[in-house]
Amino acid sequence: MLIYSFLEAYDWDGKTLVPFCTSGGSGFGRSLDKLPDSAPGAAILEGLHVSGSRVDGASEEVAA
């Protein structure tokens, strides 16, 4: 809910959002479902999930 409130406080027209997260295995779950409603006007790209066990070796994936 904190992220949705943050997004709703800004004008996202013409902006691009790239979601990312780390986790122990759950990934994004359903957390991306409400992004379009919370950031109207934004282009929302495919997100990047990095498993907690792969964080140390994920720099190339993050850079891409």
PDB file of N, CA and C in Angstrom:
ATOM      1  N   MET A   1       0.818  -1.195   0.000  1.00  0.00           N
ATOM      2  CA  MET A   1       0.000   0.000   0.000  1.00  0.00           C
ATOM      3  C   MET A   1       0.863   1.261   0.000  1.00  0.00           C
ATOM      4  N   LEU A   2       1.998   1.205   0.635  1.00  0.00           N
ATOM      5  CA  LEU A   2       2.880   2.367   0.691  1.00  0.00           C
ATOM      6  C   LEU A   2       3.312   2.799  -0.713  1.00  0.00           C
ATOM      7  N   ILE A   3       3.665   1.854  -1.533  1.00  0.00           N
ATOM      8  CA  ILE A   3       4.095   2.172  -2.903  1.00  0.00           C
ATOM      9  C   ILE A   3       2.951   2.767  -3.703  1.00  0.00           C
ATOM     10  N   TYR A   4       1.750   2.199  -3.584  1.00  0.00           N
ATOM     11  CA  TYR A   4       0.603   2.746  -4.307  1.00  0.00           C
ATOM     12  C   TYR A   4       0.348   4.198  -3.886  1.00  0.00           C
ATOM     13  N   SER A   5       0.415   4.491  -2.599  1.00  0.00           N
ATOM     14  CA  SER A   5       0.220   5.861  -2.116  1.00  0.00           C
ATOM     15  C   SER A   5       1.289   6.802  -2.670  1.00  0.00           C
ATOM     16  N   PHE A   6       2.522   6.349  -2.700  1.00  0.00           N
ATOM     17  CA  PHE A   6       3.608   7.137  -3.282  1.00  0.00           C
ATOM     18  C   PHE A   6       3.318   7.444  -4.747  1.00  0.00           C
ATOM     19  N   LEU A   7       2.965   6.416  -5.510  1.00  0.00           N
ATOM     20  CA  LEU A   7       2.696   6.601  -6.937  1.00  0.00           C
ATOM     21  C   LEU A   7       1.541   7.565  -7.177  1.00  0.00           C
ATOM     22  N   GLU A   8       0.519   7.460  -6.363  1.00  0.00           N
ATOM     23  CA  GLU A   8      -0.670   8.292  -6.544  1.00  0.00           C
ATOM     24  C   GLU A   8      -0.413   9.771  -6.258  1.00  0.00           C
ATOM     25  N   ALA A   9       0.691  10.087  -5.624  1.00  0.00           N
ATOM     26  CA  ALA A   9       1.007  11.469  -5.280  1.00  0.00           C
ATOM     27  C   ALA A   9       1.708  12.221  -6.412  1.00  0.00           C
ATOM     28  N   TYR A  10       1.991  11.566  -7.533  1.00  0.00           N
ATOM     29  CA  TYR A  10       2.756  12.178  -8.612  1.00  0.00           C
ATOM     30  C   TYR A  10       2.029  12.077  -9.944  1.00  0.00           C
ATOM     31  N   ASP A  11       2.418  12.936 -10.866  1.00  0.00           N
ATOM     32  CA  ASP A  11       1.898  12.923 -12.232  1.00  0.00           C
ATOM     33  C   ASP A  11       2.813  12.038 -13.080  1.00  0.00           C
ATOM     34  N   TRP A  12       2.290  10.946 -13.590  1.00  0.00           N
ATOM     35  CA  TRP A  12       3.092   9.984 -14.336  1.00  0.00           C
ATOM     36  C   TRP A  12       2.907  10.075 -15.840  1.00  0.00           C
ATOM     37  N   ASP A  13       2.176  11.086 -16.319  1.00  0.00           N
ATOM     38  CA  ASP A  13       1.981  11.233 -17.760  1.00  0.00           C
ATOM     39  C   ASP A  13       3.327  11.325 -18.469  1.00  0.00           C
ATOM     40  N   GLY A  14       3.517  10.444 -19.459  1.00  0.00           N
ATOM     41  CA  GLY A  14       4.732  10.450 -20.250  1.00  0.00           C
ATOM     42  C   GLY A  14       5.945   9.845 -19.574  1.00  0.00           C
ATOM     43  N   LYS A  15       5.790   9.325 -18.382  1.00  0.00           N
ATOM     44  CA  LYS A  15       6.915   8.724 -17.652  1.00  0.00           C
ATOM     45  C   LYS A  15       6.902   7.202 -17.840  1.00  0.00           C
ATOM     46  N   THR A  16       8.032   6.583 -17.590  1.00  0.00           N
ATOM     47  CA  THR A  16       8.164   5.135 -17.690  1.00  0.00           C
ATOM     48  C   THR A  16       8.535   4.573 -16.329  1.00  0.00           C
ATOM     49  N   LEU A  17       7.825   3.556 -15.902  1.00  0.00           N
ATOM     50  CA  LEU A  17       8.119   2.863 -14.650  1.00  0.00           C
ATOM     51  C   LEU A  17       8.666   1.472 -14.970  1.00  0.00           C
ATOM     52  N   VAL A  18       9.720   1.106 -14.275  1.00  0.00           N
ATOM     53  CA  VAL A  18      10.285  -0.239 -14.407  1.00  0.00           C
ATOM     54  C   VAL A  18      10.312  -0.834 -13.002  1.00  0.00           C
ATOM     55  N   PRO A  19       9.346  -1.667 -12.669  1.00  0.00           N
ATOM     56  CA  PRO A  19       9.300  -2.256 -11.331  1.00  0.00           C
ATOM     57  C   PRO A  19      10.466  -3.223 -11.101  1.00  0.00           C
ATOM     58  N   PHE A  20      10.925  -3.299  -9.868  1.00  0.00           N
ATOM     59  CA  PHE A  20      11.962  -4.268  -9.522  1.00  0.00           C
ATOM     60  C   PHE A  20      11.772  -4.691  -8.072  1.00  0.00           C
ATOM     61  N   CYS A  21      12.262  -5.877  -7.757  1.00  0.00           N
ATOM     62  CA  CYS A  21      12.193  -6.356  -6.381  1.00  0.00           C
ATOM     63  C   CYS A  21      13.200  -7.466  -6.164  1.00  0.00           C
ATOM     64  N   THR A  22      13.501  -7.712  -4.910  1.00  0.00           N
ATOM     65  CA  THR A  22      14.222  -8.902  -4.499  1.00  0.00           C
ATOM     66  C   THR A  22      13.313  -9.643  -3.529  1.00  0.00           C
ATOM     67  N   SER A  23      13.466 -10.934  -3.482  1.00  0.00           N
ATOM     68  CA  SER A  23      12.658 -11.712  -2.548  1.00  0.00           C
ATOM     69  C   SER A  23      13.291 -13.068  -2.333  1.00  0.00           C
ATOM     70  N   GLY A  24      12.743 -13.764  -1.383  1.00  0.00           N
ATOM     71  CA  GLY A  24      13.204 -15.113  -1.103  1.00  0.00           C
ATOM     72  C   GLY A  24      12.537 -16.150  -1.986  1.00  0.00           C
ATOM     73  N   GLY A  25      11.695 -15.725  -2.894  1.00  0.00           N
ATOM     74  CA  GLY A  25      11.076 -16.673  -3.817  1.00  0.00           C
ATOM     75  C   GLY A  25       9.696 -16.296  -4.313  1.00  0.00           C
ATOM     76  N   SER A  26       9.047 -15.320  -3.700  1.00  0.00           N
ATOM     77  CA  SER A  26       7.672 -15.023  -4.096  1.00  0.00           C
ATOM     78  C   SER A  26       7.569 -14.152  -5.340  1.00  0.00           C
ATOM     79  N   GLY A  27       8.616 -13.471  -5.717  1.00  0.00           N
ATOM     80  CA  GLY A  27       8.564 -12.594  -6.878  1.00  0.00           C
ATOM     81  C   GLY A  27       7.617 -11.430  -6.635  1.00  0.00           C
ATOM     82  N   PHE A  28       6.976 -10.950  -7.690  1.00  0.00           N
ATOM     83  CA  PHE A  28       6.069  -9.819  -7.577  1.00  0.00           C
ATOM     84  C   PHE A  28       4.712 -10.211  -7.003  1.00  0.00           C
ATOM     85  N   GLY A  29       4.390 -11.479  -7.087  1.00  0.00           N
ATOM     86  CA  GLY A  29       3.057 -11.881  -6.648  1.00  0.00           C
ATOM     87  C   GLY A  29       2.021 -11.097  -7.429  1.00  0.00           C
ATOM     88  N   ARG A  30       1.082 -10.477  -6.734  1.00  0.00           N
ATOM     89  CA  ARG A  30       0.057  -9.668  -7.391  1.00  0.00           C
ATOM     90  C   ARG A  30       0.307  -8.176  -7.231  1.00  0.00           C
ATOM     91  N   SER A  31       1.502  -7.823  -6.778  1.00  0.00           N
ATOM     92  CA  SER A  31       1.785  -6.420  -6.466  1.00  0.00           C
ATOM     93  C   SER A  31       1.784  -5.512  -7.692  1.00  0.00           C
ATOM     94  N   LEU A  32       1.922  -6.048  -8.887  1.00  0.00           N
ATOM     95  CA  LEU A  32       1.916  -5.220 -10.091  1.00  0.00           C
ATOM     96  C   LEU A  32       0.510  -4.964 -10.623  1.00  0.00           C
ATOM     97  N   ASP A  33      -0.457  -5.685 -10.108  1.00  0.00           N
ATOM     98  CA  ASP A  33      -1.828  -5.589 -10.626  1.00  0.00           C
ATOM     99  C   ASP A  33      -2.407  -4.182 -10.571  1.00  0.00           C
ATOM    100  N   LYS A  34      -2.102  -3.430  -9.531  1.00  0.00           N
ATOM    101  CA  LYS A  34      -2.698  -2.102  -9.341  1.00  0.00           C
ATOM    102  C   LYS A  34      -1.821  -0.959  -9.845  1.00  0.00           C
ATOM    103  N   LEU A  35      -0.651  -1.272 -10.375  1.00  0.00           N
ATOM    104  CA  LEU A  35       0.222  -0.195 -10.830  1.00  0.00           C
ATOM    105  C   LEU A  35      -0.439   0.710 -11.866  1.00  0.00           C
ATOM    106  N   PRO A  36      -1.101   0.176 -12.872  1.00  0.00           N
ATOM    107  CA  PRO A  36      -1.731   1.076 -13.855  1.00  0.00           C
ATOM    108  C   PRO A  36      -2.760   2.021 -13.225  1.00  0.00           C
ATOM    109  N   ASP A  37      -3.490   1.562 -12.218  1.00  0.00           N
ATOM    110  CA  ASP A  37      -4.471   2.419 -11.549  1.00  0.00           C
ATOM    111  C   ASP A  37      -3.794   3.473 -10.674  1.00  0.00           C
ATOM    112  N   SER A  38      -2.643   3.125 -10.094  1.00  0.00           N
ATOM    113  CA  SER A  38      -1.950   4.039  -9.186  1.00  0.00           C
ATOM    114  C   SER A  38      -1.041   5.023  -9.906  1.00  0.00           C
ATOM    115  N   ALA A  39      -0.663   4.693 -11.145  1.00  0.00           N
ATOM    116  CA  ALA A  39       0.225   5.567 -11.915  1.00  0.00           C
ATOM    117  C   ALA A  39      -0.355   5.775 -13.311  1.00  0.00           C
ATOM    118  N   PRO A  40      -1.544   6.386 -13.388  1.00  0.00           N
ATOM    119  CA  PRO A  40      -2.162   6.577 -14.710  1.00  0.00           C
ATOM    120  C   PRO A  40      -1.278   7.446 -15.604  1.00  0.00           C
ATOM    121  N   GLY A  41      -1.220   7.079 -16.862  1.00  0.00           N
ATOM    122  CA  GLY A  41      -0.415   7.815 -17.822  1.00  0.00           C
ATOM    123  C   GLY A  41       0.997   7.288 -17.963  1.00  0.00           C
ATOM    124  N   ALA A  42       1.414   6.407 -17.075  1.00  0.00           N
ATOM    125  CA  ALA A  42       2.774   5.866 -17.131  1.00  0.00           C
ATOM    126  C   ALA A  42       2.834   4.674 -18.071  1.00  0.00           C
ATOM    127  N   ALA A  43       3.958   4.553 -18.740  1.00  0.00           N
ATOM    128  CA  ALA A  43       4.268   3.329 -19.468  1.00  0.00           C
ATOM    129  C   ALA A  43       4.944   2.410 -18.449  1.00  0.00           C
ATOM    130  N   ILE A  44       4.394   1.234 -18.259  1.00  0.00           N
ATOM    131  CA  ILE A  44       4.941   0.316 -17.253  1.00  0.00           C
ATOM    132  C   ILE A  44       5.595  -0.859 -17.969  1.00  0.00           C
ATOM    133  N   LEU A  45       6.902  -0.933 -17.840  1.00  0.00           N
ATOM    134  CA  LEU A  45       7.656  -1.993 -18.499  1.00  0.00           C
ATOM    135  C   LEU A  45       7.646  -3.267 -17.669  1.00  0.00           C
ATOM    136  N   GLU A  46       8.115  -4.334 -18.281  1.00  0.00           N
ATOM    137  CA  GLU A  46       8.217  -5.601 -17.562  1.00  0.00           C
ATOM    138  C   GLU A  46       9.178  -5.422 -16.395  1.00  0.00           C
ATOM    139  N   GLY A  47       8.808  -5.947 -15.267  1.00  0.00           N
ATOM    140  CA  GLY A  47       9.623  -5.782 -14.076  1.00  0.00           C
ATOM    141  C   GLY A  47      10.772  -6.769 -13.995  1.00  0.00           C
ATOM    142  N   LEU A  48      11.657  -6.505 -13.071  1.00  0.00           N
ATOM    143  CA  LEU A  48      12.807  -7.372 -12.815  1.00  0.00           C
ATOM    144  C   LEU A  48      12.718  -7.905 -11.395  1.00  0.00           C
ATOM    145  N   HIS A  49      12.652  -9.205 -11.278  1.00  0.00           N
ATOM    146  CA  HIS A  49      12.686  -9.859  -9.969  1.00  0.00           C
ATOM    147  C   HIS A  49      14.026 -10.566  -9.840  1.00  0.00           C
ATOM    148  N   VAL A  50      14.739 -10.269  -8.776  1.00  0.00           N
ATOM    149  CA  VAL A  50      16.006 -10.937  -8.498  1.00  0.00           C
ATOM    150  C   VAL A  50      15.824 -11.706  -7.204  1.00  0.00           C
ATOM    151  N   SER A  51      16.019 -13.001  -7.284  1.00  0.00           N
ATOM    152  CA  SER A  51      15.928 -13.838  -6.096  1.00  0.00           C
ATOM    153  C   SER A  51      17.020 -13.444  -5.111  1.00  0.00           C
ATOM    154  N   GLY A  52      16.689 -13.448  -3.846  1.00  0.00           N
ATOM    155  CA  GLY A  52      17.642 -13.061  -2.814  1.00  0.00           C
ATOM    156  C   GLY A  52      18.955 -13.815  -2.879  1.00  0.00           C
ATOM    157  N   SER A  53      18.923 -15.052  -3.309  1.00  0.00           N
ATOM    158  CA  SER A  53      20.145 -15.850  -3.393  1.00  0.00           C
ATOM    159  C   SER A  53      21.005 -15.459  -4.598  1.00  0.00           C
ATOM    160  N   ARG A  54      20.483 -14.653  -5.533  1.00  0.00           N
ATOM    161  CA  ARG A  54      21.217 -14.249  -6.729  1.00  0.00           C
ATOM    162  C   ARG A  54      21.590 -12.770  -6.723  1.00  0.00           C
ATOM    163  N   VAL A  55      21.306 -12.051  -5.659  1.00  0.00           N
ATOM    164  CA  VAL A  55      21.526 -10.605  -5.617  1.00  0.00           C
ATOM    165  C   VAL A  55      22.979 -10.243  -5.916  1.00  0.00           C
ATOM    166  N   ASP A  56      23.926 -10.932  -5.306  1.00  0.00           N
ATOM    167  CA  ASP A  56      25.338 -10.585  -5.492  1.00  0.00           C
ATOM    168  C   ASP A  56      25.794 -10.686  -6.943  1.00  0.00           C
ATOM    169  N   GLY A  57      25.181 -11.540  -7.737  1.00  0.00           N
ATOM    170  CA  GLY A  57      25.595 -11.711  -9.136  1.00  0.00           C
ATOM    171  C   GLY A  57      24.648 -11.095 -10.133  1.00  0.00           C
ATOM    172  N   ALA A  58      23.787 -10.183  -9.708  1.00  0.00           N
ATOM    173  CA  ALA A  58      22.758  -9.658 -10.595  1.00  0.00           C
ATOM    174  C   ALA A  58      23.088  -8.323 -11.241  1.00  0.00           C
ATOM    175  N   SER A  59      24.301  -7.832 -11.100  1.00  0.00           N
ATOM    176  CA  SER A  59      24.622  -6.482 -11.605  1.00  0.00           C
ATOM    177  C   SER A  59      24.419  -6.357 -13.107  1.00  0.00           C
ATOM    178  N   GLU A  60      24.770  -7.372 -13.893  1.00  0.00           N
ATOM    179  CA  GLU A  60      24.575  -7.297 -15.345  1.00  0.00           C
ATOM    180  C   GLU A  60      23.087  -7.290 -15.703  1.00  0.00           C
ATOM    181  N   GLU A  61      22.320  -8.092 -15.000  1.00  0.00           N
ATOM    182  CA  GLU A  61      20.880  -8.141 -15.240  1.00  0.00           C
ATOM    183  C   GLU A  61      20.228  -6.800 -14.893  1.00  0.00           C
ATOM    184  N   VAL A  62      20.658  -6.189 -13.815  1.00  0.00           N
ATOM    185  CA  VAL A  62      20.127  -4.880 -13.418  1.00  0.00           C
ATOM    186  C   VAL A  62      20.525  -3.820 -14.442  1.00  0.00           C
ATOM    187  N   ALA A  63      21.764  -3.836 -14.889  1.00  0.00           N
ATOM    188  CA  ALA A  63      22.239  -2.853 -15.864  1.00  0.00           C
ATOM    189  C   ALA A  63      21.466  -2.972 -17.188  1.00  0.00           C
ATOM    190  N   ALA A  64      21.156  -4.182 -17.574  1.00  0.00           N
ATOM    191  CA  ALA A  64      20.422  -4.393 -18.845  1.00  0.00           C
ATOM    192  C   ALA A  64      19.026  -3.829 -18.723  1.00  0.00           C
TER     193      ALA A  64
END
